[in-house]
Amino acid sequence: MGKDGAMIYHKDKTGIESRRVPTPFTVTDIVDPTRAGDNFKAGFLVGYMKGRSIIECAQIGNELGAACVGQKGDILPEEITSGIKAKYDL
């Protein structure tokens, strides 16, 4: 959903639940949207492999995707990734 975050759908025994997970910060200057979705997926999957809740996985993904669009190119600098790793204890 871009600047609006992500919509998460989760199916359990009672049905399908949906929840909007907002972006953690507003990106005021979009430099390059290339690979923002890939960075979102990578963050989501790392959180999932670490046993985090679906919502926290989406928050991690949102943060990586948002950080990606604020710079040229799709590879995030170490200072950004290490900050996100520390914030979420990854």
N, C-alpha and C. Protein backbone atom coordinates (compact mmCIF):
# COMPACT_ATOMS: atom_id res chain seq x y z
N MET A 1 0.82 -1.18 0.00
CA MET A 1 0.00 0.00 0.00
C MET A 1 0.87 1.26 0.00
N GLY A 2 2.16 1.08 -0.24
CA GLY A 2 3.04 2.24 -0.34
C GLY A 2 3.11 3.04 0.95
N LYS A 3 2.91 4.35 0.84
CA LYS A 3 3.02 5.23 2.01
C LYS A 3 1.96 4.94 3.08
N ASP A 4 0.94 4.17 2.74
CA ASP A 4 -0.12 3.83 3.69
C ASP A 4 0.18 2.57 4.49
N GLY A 5 1.35 1.96 4.28
CA GLY A 5 1.72 0.79 5.06
C GLY A 5 1.37 -0.50 4.35
N ALA A 6 0.86 -1.47 5.12
CA ALA A 6 0.54 -2.79 4.56
C ALA A 6 -0.78 -3.27 5.16
N MET A 7 -1.48 -4.08 4.39
CA MET A 7 -2.68 -4.72 4.87
C MET A 7 -2.34 -6.20 5.03
N ILE A 8 -2.56 -6.71 6.23
CA ILE A 8 -2.23 -8.10 6.53
C ILE A 8 -3.53 -8.88 6.66
N TYR A 9 -3.58 -10.02 5.99
CA TYR A 9 -4.73 -10.92 6.07
C TYR A 9 -4.25 -12.22 6.71
N HIS A 10 -4.96 -12.67 7.71
CA HIS A 10 -4.57 -13.86 8.44
C HIS A 10 -5.77 -14.78 8.59
N LYS A 11 -5.62 -16.03 8.19
CA LYS A 11 -6.71 -16.99 8.28
C LYS A 11 -6.47 -17.91 9.47
N ASP A 12 -7.50 -18.06 10.29
CA ASP A 12 -7.45 -19.02 11.38
C ASP A 12 -8.76 -19.82 11.39
N LYS A 13 -9.02 -20.55 12.48
CA LYS A 13 -10.21 -21.41 12.55
C LYS A 13 -11.51 -20.63 12.50
N THR A 14 -11.49 -19.37 12.89
CA THR A 14 -12.71 -18.57 12.94
C THR A 14 -12.96 -17.78 11.67
N GLY A 15 -12.01 -17.74 10.77
CA GLY A 15 -12.19 -17.00 9.53
C GLY A 15 -10.95 -16.21 9.15
N ILE A 16 -11.18 -15.17 8.37
CA ILE A 16 -10.07 -14.32 7.90
C ILE A 16 -10.14 -12.99 8.62
N GLU A 17 -9.01 -12.63 9.18
CA GLU A 17 -8.88 -11.35 9.88
C GLU A 17 -7.99 -10.44 9.04
N SER A 18 -8.33 -9.16 8.95
CA SER A 18 -7.47 -8.22 8.25
C SER A 18 -7.10 -7.09 9.21
N ARG A 19 -5.91 -6.57 8.99
CA ARG A 19 -5.43 -5.48 9.83
C ARG A 19 -4.47 -4.62 9.03
N ARG A 20 -4.64 -3.32 9.13
CA ARG A 20 -3.73 -2.37 8.48
C ARG A 20 -2.57 -2.10 9.42
N VAL A 21 -1.36 -2.19 8.87
CA VAL A 21 -0.16 -1.90 9.64
C VAL A 21 0.47 -0.66 9.01
N PRO A 22 0.42 0.48 9.71
CA PRO A 22 0.93 1.72 9.12
C PRO A 22 2.45 1.73 8.99
N THR A 23 2.93 2.57 8.09
CA THR A 23 4.36 2.78 7.95
C THR A 23 4.89 3.47 9.20
N PRO A 24 6.05 3.07 9.73
CA PRO A 24 6.54 3.63 10.99
C PRO A 24 6.94 5.10 10.93
N PHE A 25 7.21 5.60 9.74
CA PHE A 25 7.58 7.01 9.60
C PHE A 25 7.19 7.48 8.21
N THR A 26 7.03 8.75 8.04
CA THR A 26 6.64 9.31 6.75
C THR A 26 7.87 9.62 5.93
N VAL A 27 7.88 9.14 4.72
CA VAL A 27 8.97 9.44 3.79
C VAL A 27 8.56 10.71 3.04
N THR A 28 9.29 11.77 3.27
CA THR A 28 8.94 13.05 2.64
C THR A 28 9.57 13.23 1.27
N ASP A 29 10.67 12.55 1.01
CA ASP A 29 11.36 12.70 -0.26
C ASP A 29 11.61 11.33 -0.86
N ILE A 30 10.75 10.89 -1.77
CA ILE A 30 10.94 9.60 -2.42
C ILE A 30 11.97 9.78 -3.52
N VAL A 31 13.08 9.10 -3.36
CA VAL A 31 14.19 9.20 -4.30
C VAL A 31 14.07 8.13 -5.37
N ASP A 32 13.82 6.88 -4.96
CA ASP A 32 13.81 5.75 -5.90
C ASP A 32 12.98 4.61 -5.30
N PRO A 33 11.84 4.29 -5.89
CA PRO A 33 11.00 3.22 -5.33
C PRO A 33 11.45 1.82 -5.72
N THR A 34 12.54 1.71 -6.50
CA THR A 34 13.01 0.41 -6.96
C THR A 34 13.30 -0.51 -5.78
N ARG A 35 12.73 -1.67 -5.81
CA ARG A 35 12.95 -2.75 -4.85
C ARG A 35 12.40 -2.51 -3.44
N ALA A 36 11.54 -1.52 -3.27
CA ALA A 36 10.93 -1.30 -1.96
C ALA A 36 10.12 -2.52 -1.53
N GLY A 37 9.41 -3.12 -2.48
CA GLY A 37 8.63 -4.32 -2.17
C GLY A 37 9.51 -5.50 -1.79
N ASP A 38 10.65 -5.62 -2.46
CA ASP A 38 11.58 -6.70 -2.12
C ASP A 38 12.14 -6.51 -0.72
N ASN A 39 12.45 -5.26 -0.36
CA ASN A 39 12.94 -4.99 0.99
C ASN A 39 11.86 -5.26 2.02
N PHE A 40 10.60 -4.92 1.70
CA PHE A 40 9.48 -5.25 2.59
C PHE A 40 9.43 -6.76 2.83
N LYS A 41 9.46 -7.52 1.73
CA LYS A 41 9.38 -8.99 1.85
C LYS A 41 10.54 -9.55 2.65
N ALA A 42 11.73 -9.03 2.42
CA ALA A 42 12.90 -9.52 3.16
C ALA A 42 12.75 -9.27 4.65
N GLY A 43 12.32 -8.06 5.01
CA GLY A 43 12.12 -7.76 6.43
C GLY A 43 11.02 -8.61 7.04
N PHE A 44 9.92 -8.78 6.32
CA PHE A 44 8.82 -9.61 6.80
C PHE A 44 9.30 -11.03 7.06
N LEU A 45 10.03 -11.60 6.08
CA LEU A 45 10.48 -12.99 6.22
C LEU A 45 11.50 -13.17 7.33
N VAL A 46 12.39 -12.22 7.52
CA VAL A 46 13.35 -12.32 8.63
C VAL A 46 12.59 -12.34 9.96
N GLY A 47 11.62 -11.44 10.10
CA GLY A 47 10.81 -11.44 11.31
C GLY A 47 10.09 -12.76 11.51
N TYR A 48 9.53 -13.29 10.43
CA TYR A 48 8.81 -14.56 10.49
C TYR A 48 9.73 -15.71 10.91
N MET A 49 10.93 -15.74 10.33
CA MET A 49 11.88 -16.80 10.68
C MET A 49 12.35 -16.68 12.13
N LYS A 50 12.31 -15.47 12.67
CA LYS A 50 12.70 -15.25 14.07
C LYS A 50 11.53 -15.47 15.03
N GLY A 51 10.37 -15.87 14.50
CA GLY A 51 9.24 -16.19 15.35
C GLY A 51 8.42 -15.01 15.82
N ARG A 52 8.51 -13.88 15.11
CA ARG A 52 7.76 -12.69 15.49
C ARG A 52 6.32 -12.80 15.05
N SER A 53 5.46 -11.99 15.63
CA SER A 53 4.05 -11.98 15.24
C SER A 53 3.93 -11.46 13.81
N ILE A 54 2.83 -11.79 13.17
CA ILE A 54 2.60 -11.33 11.80
C ILE A 54 2.62 -9.80 11.74
N ILE A 55 2.05 -9.16 12.75
CA ILE A 55 2.03 -7.70 12.77
C ILE A 55 3.44 -7.14 12.88
N GLU A 56 4.25 -7.70 13.76
CA GLU A 56 5.62 -7.20 13.88
C GLU A 56 6.42 -7.47 12.60
N CYS A 57 6.16 -8.61 11.95
CA CYS A 57 6.82 -8.89 10.66
C CYS A 57 6.49 -7.80 9.65
N ALA A 58 5.23 -7.39 9.61
CA ALA A 58 4.82 -6.32 8.69
C ALA A 58 5.46 -5.00 9.08
N GLN A 59 5.63 -4.73 10.36
CA GLN A 59 6.27 -3.50 10.80
C GLN A 59 7.73 -3.46 10.36
N ILE A 60 8.42 -4.59 10.49
CA ILE A 60 9.81 -4.67 10.06
C ILE A 60 9.90 -4.46 8.55
N GLY A 61 9.02 -5.12 7.81
CA GLY A 61 9.00 -4.97 6.36
C GLY A 61 8.69 -3.54 5.94
N ASN A 62 7.71 -2.93 6.61
CA ASN A 62 7.38 -1.53 6.31
C ASN A 62 8.58 -0.62 6.51
N GLU A 63 9.29 -0.84 7.58
CA GLU A 63 10.43 0.03 7.89
C GLU A 63 11.53 -0.12 6.84
N LEU A 64 11.82 -1.35 6.43
CA LEU A 64 12.84 -1.55 5.40
C LEU A 64 12.39 -0.98 4.06
N GLY A 65 11.14 -1.19 3.69
CA GLY A 65 10.63 -0.64 2.43
C GLY A 65 10.66 0.88 2.42
N ALA A 66 10.25 1.49 3.53
CA ALA A 66 10.26 2.95 3.63
C ALA A 66 11.68 3.49 3.57
N ALA A 67 12.61 2.80 4.21
CA ALA A 67 14.01 3.25 4.17
C ALA A 67 14.55 3.15 2.75
N CYS A 68 14.11 2.15 2.01
CA CYS A 68 14.60 1.92 0.65
C CYS A 68 14.21 3.06 -0.29
N VAL A 69 12.98 3.55 -0.20
CA VAL A 69 12.54 4.58 -1.16
C VAL A 69 13.19 5.93 -0.93
N GLY A 70 13.81 6.13 0.21
CA GLY A 70 14.45 7.40 0.52
C GLY A 70 15.87 7.52 0.03
N GLN A 71 16.33 6.54 -0.74
CA GLN A 71 17.71 6.58 -1.22
C GLN A 71 17.78 6.06 -2.66
N LYS A 72 18.88 6.31 -3.32
CA LYS A 72 19.10 5.82 -4.68
C LYS A 72 19.62 4.39 -4.60
N GLY A 73 18.99 3.50 -5.34
CA GLY A 73 19.41 2.10 -5.34
C GLY A 73 18.67 1.29 -4.30
N ASP A 74 18.81 -0.01 -4.39
CA ASP A 74 18.00 -0.88 -3.54
C ASP A 74 18.77 -1.54 -2.40
N ILE A 75 20.05 -1.32 -2.31
CA ILE A 75 20.83 -1.92 -1.23
C ILE A 75 20.97 -0.90 -0.11
N LEU A 76 20.41 -1.25 1.05
CA LEU A 76 20.42 -0.32 2.18
C LEU A 76 21.79 -0.28 2.84
N PRO A 77 22.24 0.89 3.24
CA PRO A 77 23.52 1.01 3.94
C PRO A 77 23.48 0.29 5.29
N GLU A 78 24.63 -0.13 5.73
CA GLU A 78 24.75 -0.87 6.99
C GLU A 78 24.18 -0.10 8.17
N GLU A 79 24.35 1.22 8.21
CA GLU A 79 23.84 1.98 9.36
C GLU A 79 22.31 1.91 9.45
N ILE A 80 21.64 1.79 8.31
CA ILE A 80 20.18 1.65 8.34
C ILE A 80 19.79 0.25 8.78
N THR A 81 20.39 -0.76 8.17
CA THR A 81 20.01 -2.13 8.52
C THR A 81 20.39 -2.47 9.96
N SER A 82 21.53 -2.00 10.42
CA SER A 82 21.92 -2.31 11.81
C SER A 82 20.99 -1.61 12.79
N GLY A 83 20.51 -0.41 12.45
CA GLY A 83 19.55 0.28 13.31
C GLY A 83 18.23 -0.47 13.41
N ILE A 84 17.76 -0.99 12.28
CA ILE A 84 16.50 -1.75 12.27
C ILE A 84 16.68 -3.07 13.00
N LYS A 85 17.83 -3.73 12.78
CA LYS A 85 18.11 -4.98 13.51
C LYS A 85 18.11 -4.74 15.02
N ALA A 86 18.73 -3.68 15.44
CA ALA A 86 18.79 -3.37 16.88
C ALA A 86 17.39 -3.04 17.42
N LYS A 87 16.63 -2.25 16.68
CA LYS A 87 15.29 -1.86 17.12
C LYS A 87 14.40 -3.07 17.35
N TYR A 88 14.48 -4.06 16.48
CA TYR A 88 13.62 -5.24 16.57
C TYR A 88 14.33 -6.46 17.16
N ASP A 89 15.55 -6.28 17.64
CA ASP A 89 16.34 -7.35 18.25
C ASP A 89 16.44 -8.56 17.31
N LEU A 90 16.92 -8.29 16.09
CA LEU A 90 17.02 -9.35 15.10
C LEU A 90 18.42 -9.94 15.03
